[in-house]
Amino acid sequence: MVFGNLFKRDPKGQIAGDIYAAIVSQSRKPAFYQLAAVPDTVDGRFEMISLHAFLVMRQLKGEDKQSQKLSQMIFDLMFADMDQSLREMGVGDLGIGKRIKLMAKAFYGRIVAYEAALDGEAESLEAALERNHYGTVENVSLKAVAKLADYVRAADARLKAQGAGGLMTGVPDFGDFS
């Protein structure tokens, strides 16, 4: 029957959901907020989720169509979650679209900055993190920025070693932050 396949859950949807849940879980670890001075605010949490989503999507980029589809599904889940979070915070329906567009624009800007920094094509990762990730923090400690940059480099290497095929398990290996 044609309708039987129409309502089956897409297995990649489950994998994308598992990866996004891992991104959120990793992003909420208290050590980031305590040891790396990430502000425990809406902005700080958005930055952490964006950073981890970027690290995963970086590994899926340029791979086969399945990996690219998975990356898009993770992006869609992330912004559906952001939409829901804004609604829960009381942002009215008319303001949601504008805020989501601004968040997406910010996310794309971070992708460009972090990608270039990790590839050694632009400013240092520390400078990109300080400007983008800590933009709402006055006088952030250079030690905290360096600690987060070291983590990002290590997580990027771990995810690269895991590869797109490994990410298809739904369990990204970010490593520990402490």
C-alpha atoms as a PDB file:
ATOM      1  CA  MET A   1       0.000   0.000   0.000  1.00  0.00           C
ATOM      2  CA  VAL A   2       1.302   3.432  -0.954  1.00  0.00           C
ATOM      3  CA  PHE A   3       0.229   5.091   2.289  1.00  0.00           C
ATOM      4  CA  GLY A   4       2.164   2.561   4.392  1.00  0.00           C
ATOM      5  CA  ASN A   5       5.512   4.035   3.318  1.00  0.00           C
ATOM      6  CA  LEU A   6       4.225   7.575   3.564  1.00  0.00           C
ATOM      7  CA  PHE A   7       3.872   7.393   7.339  1.00  0.00           C
ATOM      8  CA  LYS A   8       7.016   5.427   8.202  1.00  0.00           C
ATOM      9  CA  ARG A   9       9.529   7.407  10.192  1.00  0.00           C
ATOM     10  CA  ASP A  10      12.601   8.350   8.201  1.00  0.00           C
ATOM     11  CA  PRO A  11      15.585   6.578   9.820  1.00  0.00           C
ATOM     12  CA  LYS A  12      17.758   9.625   9.081  1.00  0.00           C
ATOM     13  CA  GLY A  13      15.244  11.701  11.017  1.00  0.00           C
ATOM     14  CA  GLN A  14      15.920   9.527  14.057  1.00  0.00           C
ATOM     15  CA  ILE A  15      19.676   9.846  13.569  1.00  0.00           C
ATOM     16  CA  ALA A  16      19.375  13.639  13.180  1.00  0.00           C
ATOM     17  CA  GLY A  17      17.279  13.751  16.358  1.00  0.00           C
ATOM     18  CA  ASP A  18      19.847  11.690  18.243  1.00  0.00           C
ATOM     19  CA  ILE A  19      22.699  13.905  17.036  1.00  0.00           C
ATOM     20  CA  TYR A  20      20.833  17.092  17.899  1.00  0.00           C
ATOM     21  CA  ALA A  21      20.036  15.717  21.371  1.00  0.00           C
ATOM     22  CA  ALA A  22      23.773  14.970  21.810  1.00  0.00           C
ATOM     23  CA  ILE A  23      24.630  18.512  20.644  1.00  0.00           C
ATOM     24  CA  VAL A  24      22.263  20.013  23.217  1.00  0.00           C
ATOM     25  CA  SER A  25      23.462  17.672  25.965  1.00  0.00           C
ATOM     26  CA  GLN A  26      27.122  18.487  25.308  1.00  0.00           C
ATOM     27  CA  SER A  27      26.317  22.212  25.108  1.00  0.00           C
ATOM     28  CA  ARG A  28      24.672  22.190  28.528  1.00  0.00           C
ATOM     29  CA  LYS A  29      27.622  20.705  30.408  1.00  0.00           C
ATOM     30  CA  PRO A  30      28.328  22.973  33.386  1.00  0.00           C
ATOM     31  CA  ALA A  31      32.095  22.935  32.758  1.00  0.00           C
ATOM     32  CA  PHE A  32      31.691  25.227  29.739  1.00  0.00           C
ATOM     33  CA  TYR A  33      29.964  27.825  31.883  1.00  0.00           C
ATOM     34  CA  GLN A  34      32.290  27.388  34.842  1.00  0.00           C
ATOM     35  CA  LEU A  35      35.724  26.792  33.305  1.00  0.00           C
ATOM     36  CA  ALA A  36      35.425  28.592  29.967  1.00  0.00           C
ATOM     37  CA  ALA A  37      33.380  31.544  31.251  1.00  0.00           C
ATOM     38  CA  VAL A  38      30.602  30.985  28.710  1.00  0.00           C
ATOM     39  CA  PRO A  39      27.714  33.159  29.902  1.00  0.00           C
ATOM     40  CA  ASP A  40      24.881  31.026  31.278  1.00  0.00           C
ATOM     41  CA  THR A  41      22.308  33.058  29.363  1.00  0.00           C
ATOM     42  CA  VAL A  42      20.059  32.552  26.374  1.00  0.00           C
ATOM     43  CA  ASP A  43      22.842  33.971  24.177  1.00  0.00           C
ATOM     44  CA  GLY A  44      25.508  31.796  25.772  1.00  0.00           C
ATOM     45  CA  ARG A  45      23.448  28.647  25.340  1.00  0.00           C
ATOM     46  CA  PHE A  46      22.687  29.555  21.720  1.00  0.00           C
ATOM     47  CA  GLU A  47      26.420  30.003  21.139  1.00  0.00           C
ATOM     48  CA  MET A  48      27.226  26.607  22.632  1.00  0.00           C
ATOM     49  CA  ILE A  49      24.562  24.820  20.590  1.00  0.00           C
ATOM     50  CA  SER A  50      25.682  26.674  17.456  1.00  0.00           C
ATOM     51  CA  LEU A  51      29.309  25.752  18.095  1.00  0.00           C
ATOM     52  CA  HIS A  52      28.582  22.045  18.523  1.00  0.00           C
ATOM     53  CA  ALA A  53      26.175  21.986  15.575  1.00  0.00           C
ATOM     54  CA  PHE A  54      28.873  23.624  13.448  1.00  0.00           C
ATOM     55  CA  LEU A  55      31.421  20.990  14.494  1.00  0.00           C
ATOM     56  CA  VAL A  56      29.088  18.171  13.426  1.00  0.00           C
ATOM     57  CA  MET A  57      27.955  19.857  10.209  1.00  0.00           C
ATOM     58  CA  ARG A  58      31.592  20.567   9.305  1.00  0.00           C
ATOM     59  CA  GLN A  59      32.194  16.819   9.136  1.00  0.00           C
ATOM     60  CA  LEU A  60      29.074  16.178   7.065  1.00  0.00           C
ATOM     61  CA  LYS A  61      29.799  18.971   4.580  1.00  0.00           C
ATOM     62  CA  GLY A  62      31.037  17.896   1.190  1.00  0.00           C
ATOM     63  CA  GLU A  63      30.275  14.257   1.826  1.00  0.00           C
ATOM     64  CA  ASP A  64      27.650  12.233  -0.020  1.00  0.00           C
ATOM     65  CA  LYS A  65      24.002  13.220  -0.417  1.00  0.00           C
ATOM     66  CA  GLN A  66      22.989  11.237   2.677  1.00  0.00           C
ATOM     67  CA  SER A  67      25.424  13.197   4.843  1.00  0.00           C
ATOM     68  CA  GLN A  68      24.280  16.488   3.366  1.00  0.00           C
ATOM     69  CA  LYS A  69      20.637  15.525   3.992  1.00  0.00           C
ATOM     70  CA  LEU A  70      21.516  14.624   7.586  1.00  0.00           C
ATOM     71  CA  SER A  71      23.254  17.983   8.043  1.00  0.00           C
ATOM     72  CA  GLN A  72      20.169  19.809   6.751  1.00  0.00           C
ATOM     73  CA  MET A  73      17.923  17.805   9.081  1.00  0.00           C
ATOM     74  CA  ILE A  74      20.098  18.751  12.065  1.00  0.00           C
ATOM     75  CA  PHE A  75      19.938  22.416  11.008  1.00  0.00           C
ATOM     76  CA  ASP A  76      16.138  22.196  10.680  1.00  0.00           C
ATOM     77  CA  LEU A  77      15.824  20.573  14.114  1.00  0.00           C
ATOM     78  CA  MET A  78      18.058  23.206  15.665  1.00  0.00           C
ATOM     79  CA  PHE A  79      16.002  26.087  14.368  1.00  0.00           C
ATOM     80  CA  ALA A  80      12.683  24.378  15.134  1.00  0.00           C
ATOM     81  CA  ASP A  81      13.997  24.039  18.696  1.00  0.00           C
ATOM     82  CA  MET A  82      15.024  27.708  18.736  1.00  0.00           C
ATOM     83  CA  ASP A  83      11.563  28.655  17.480  1.00  0.00           C
ATOM     84  CA  GLN A  84       9.930  26.602  20.242  1.00  0.00           C
ATOM     85  CA  SER A  85      12.250  28.052  22.886  1.00  0.00           C
ATOM     86  CA  LEU A  86      11.428  31.607  21.835  1.00  0.00           C
ATOM     87  CA  ARG A  87       7.719  30.808  22.028  1.00  0.00           C
ATOM     88  CA  GLU A  88       8.180  29.357  25.520  1.00  0.00           C
ATOM     89  CA  MET A  89       9.970  32.563  26.539  1.00  0.00           C
ATOM     90  CA  GLY A  90       6.910  34.517  25.457  1.00  0.00           C
ATOM     91  CA  VAL A  91       8.069  35.983  22.154  1.00  0.00           C
ATOM     92  CA  GLY A  92       4.974  36.735  20.110  1.00  0.00           C
ATOM     93  CA  ASP A  93       4.219  35.049  16.810  1.00  0.00           C
ATOM     94  CA  LEU A  94       4.969  38.219  14.866  1.00  0.00           C
ATOM     95  CA  GLY A  95       8.473  38.493  16.348  1.00  0.00           C
ATOM     96  CA  ILE A  96       9.462  34.843  15.965  1.00  0.00           C
ATOM     97  CA  GLY A  97      10.255  34.926  12.250  1.00  0.00           C
ATOM     98  CA  LYS A  98      12.452  37.996  12.557  1.00  0.00           C
ATOM     99  CA  ARG A  99      14.360  36.547  15.524  1.00  0.00           C
ATOM    100  CA  ILE A 100      14.876  33.192  13.799  1.00  0.00           C
ATOM    101  CA  LYS A 101      16.229  34.964  10.707  1.00  0.00           C
ATOM    102  CA  LEU A 102      18.685  36.903  12.886  1.00  0.00           C
ATOM    103  CA  MET A 103      19.738  33.716  14.664  1.00  0.00           C
ATOM    104  CA  ALA A 104      20.253  31.901  11.342  1.00  0.00           C
ATOM    105  CA  LYS A 105      22.304  34.822  10.026  1.00  0.00           C
ATOM    106  CA  ALA A 106      24.424  34.745  13.196  1.00  0.00           C
ATOM    107  CA  PHE A 107      24.863  30.985  12.869  1.00  0.00           C
ATOM    108  CA  TYR A 108      26.025  31.271   9.254  1.00  0.00           C
ATOM    109  CA  GLY A 109      28.473  34.005  10.248  1.00  0.00           C
ATOM    110  CA  ARG A 110      29.945  31.792  12.922  1.00  0.00           C
ATOM    111  CA  ILE A 111      30.255  28.896  10.481  1.00  0.00           C
ATOM    112  CA  VAL A 112      32.312  31.074   8.147  1.00  0.00           C
ATOM    113  CA  ALA A 113      34.516  32.448  10.950  1.00  0.00           C
ATOM    114  CA  TYR A 114      35.116  29.146  12.745  1.00  0.00           C
ATOM    115  CA  GLU A 115      35.651  27.191   9.525  1.00  0.00           C
ATOM    116  CA  ALA A 116      38.251  29.675   8.290  1.00  0.00           C
ATOM    117  CA  ALA A 117      39.967  29.749  11.676  1.00  0.00           C
ATOM    118  CA  LEU A 118      40.124  25.949  11.969  1.00  0.00           C
ATOM    119  CA  ASP A 119      41.427  25.692   8.417  1.00  0.00           C
ATOM    120  CA  GLY A 120      44.095  28.325   9.142  1.00  0.00           C
ATOM    121  CA  GLU A 121      42.743  30.646   6.463  1.00  0.00           C
ATOM    122  CA  ALA A 122      41.880  33.603   8.671  1.00  0.00           C
ATOM    123  CA  GLU A 123      42.241  34.963  12.154  1.00  0.00           C
ATOM    124  CA  SER A 124      42.971  32.648  15.027  1.00  0.00           C
ATOM    125  CA  LEU A 125      40.226  30.535  16.501  1.00  0.00           C
ATOM    126  CA  GLU A 126      40.703  32.410  19.782  1.00  0.00           C
ATOM    127  CA  ALA A 127      39.986  35.731  18.052  1.00  0.00           C
ATOM    128  CA  ALA A 128      36.916  34.323  16.297  1.00  0.00           C
ATOM    129  CA  LEU A 129      35.591  32.856  19.564  1.00  0.00           C
ATOM    130  CA  GLU A 130      36.273  36.028  21.507  1.00  0.00           C
ATOM    131  CA  ARG A 131      34.467  38.174  18.943  1.00  0.00           C
ATOM    132  CA  ASN A 132      31.519  35.875  18.233  1.00  0.00           C
ATOM    133  CA  HIS A 133      31.114  33.475  21.113  1.00  0.00           C
ATOM    134  CA  TYR A 134      31.909  35.934  23.885  1.00  0.00           C
ATOM    135  CA  GLY A 135      30.421  38.989  22.191  1.00  0.00           C
ATOM    136  CA  THR A 136      28.129  39.743  25.140  1.00  0.00           C
ATOM    137  CA  VAL A 137      30.865  39.344  27.774  1.00  0.00           C
ATOM    138  CA  GLU A 138      33.001  42.257  28.887  1.00  0.00           C
ATOM    139  CA  ASN A 139      36.628  41.483  29.672  1.00  0.00           C
ATOM    140  CA  VAL A 140      36.531  37.756  29.069  1.00  0.00           C
ATOM    141  CA  SER A 141      39.651  35.990  30.326  1.00  0.00           C
ATOM    142  CA  LEU A 142      42.086  35.035  27.572  1.00  0.00           C
ATOM    143  CA  LYS A 143      42.695  31.824  29.516  1.00  0.00           C
ATOM    144  CA  ALA A 144      38.985  30.940  29.247  1.00  0.00           C
ATOM    145  CA  VAL A 145      38.969  31.690  25.511  1.00  0.00           C
ATOM    146  CA  ALA A 146      42.115  29.593  25.005  1.00  0.00           C
ATOM    147  CA  LYS A 147      40.571  26.707  26.964  1.00  0.00           C
ATOM    148  CA  LEU A 148      37.469  26.747  24.778  1.00  0.00           C
ATOM    149  CA  ALA A 149      39.579  27.039  21.598  1.00  0.00           C
ATOM    150  CA  ASP A 150      41.664  24.021  22.661  1.00  0.00           C
ATOM    151  CA  TYR A 151      38.453  22.064  23.223  1.00  0.00           C
ATOM    152  CA  VAL A 152      37.073  23.091  19.810  1.00  0.00           C
ATOM    153  CA  ARG A 153      40.255  21.945  18.057  1.00  0.00           C
ATOM    154  CA  ALA A 154      40.230  18.619  19.923  1.00  0.00           C
ATOM    155  CA  ALA A 155      36.499  18.052  19.281  1.00  0.00           C
ATOM    156  CA  ASP A 156      36.993  18.888  15.606  1.00  0.00           C
ATOM    157  CA  ALA A 157      39.808  16.315  15.385  1.00  0.00           C
ATOM    158  CA  ARG A 158      37.736  13.668  17.180  1.00  0.00           C
ATOM    159  CA  LEU A 159      34.744  14.237  14.915  1.00  0.00           C
ATOM    160  CA  LYS A 160      36.993  14.176  11.845  1.00  0.00           C
ATOM    161  CA  ALA A 161      38.400  10.823  12.986  1.00  0.00           C
ATOM    162  CA  GLN A 162      34.852   9.587  13.545  1.00  0.00           C
ATOM    163  CA  GLY A 163      33.921  10.684  10.021  1.00  0.00           C
ATOM    164  CA  ALA A 164      30.540  11.055   8.417  1.00  0.00           C
ATOM    165  CA  GLY A 165      30.032   7.304   8.541  1.00  0.00           C
ATOM    166  CA  GLY A 166      30.593   7.285  12.285  1.00  0.00           C
ATOM    167  CA  LEU A 167      28.164  10.166  12.707  1.00  0.00           C
ATOM    168  CA  MET A 168      25.507   8.055  10.997  1.00  0.00           C
ATOM    169  CA  THR A 169      25.343   6.095  14.269  1.00  0.00           C
ATOM    170  CA  GLY A 170      23.744   9.181  15.823  1.00  0.00           C
ATOM    171  CA  VAL A 171      26.436   9.526  18.483  1.00  0.00           C
ATOM    172  CA  PRO A 172      28.935  12.323  17.831  1.00  0.00           C
ATOM    173  CA  ASP A 173      32.229  12.022  19.733  1.00  0.00           C
ATOM    174  CA  PHE A 174      32.996  15.512  21.047  1.00  0.00           C
ATOM    175  CA  GLY A 175      35.281  14.285  23.810  1.00  0.00           C
ATOM    176  CA  ASP A 176      35.312  15.741  27.311  1.00  0.00           C
ATOM    177  CA  PHE A 177      35.672  19.297  28.453  1.00  0.00           C
ATOM    178  CA  SER A 178      37.103  19.801  31.898  1.00  0.00           C
END
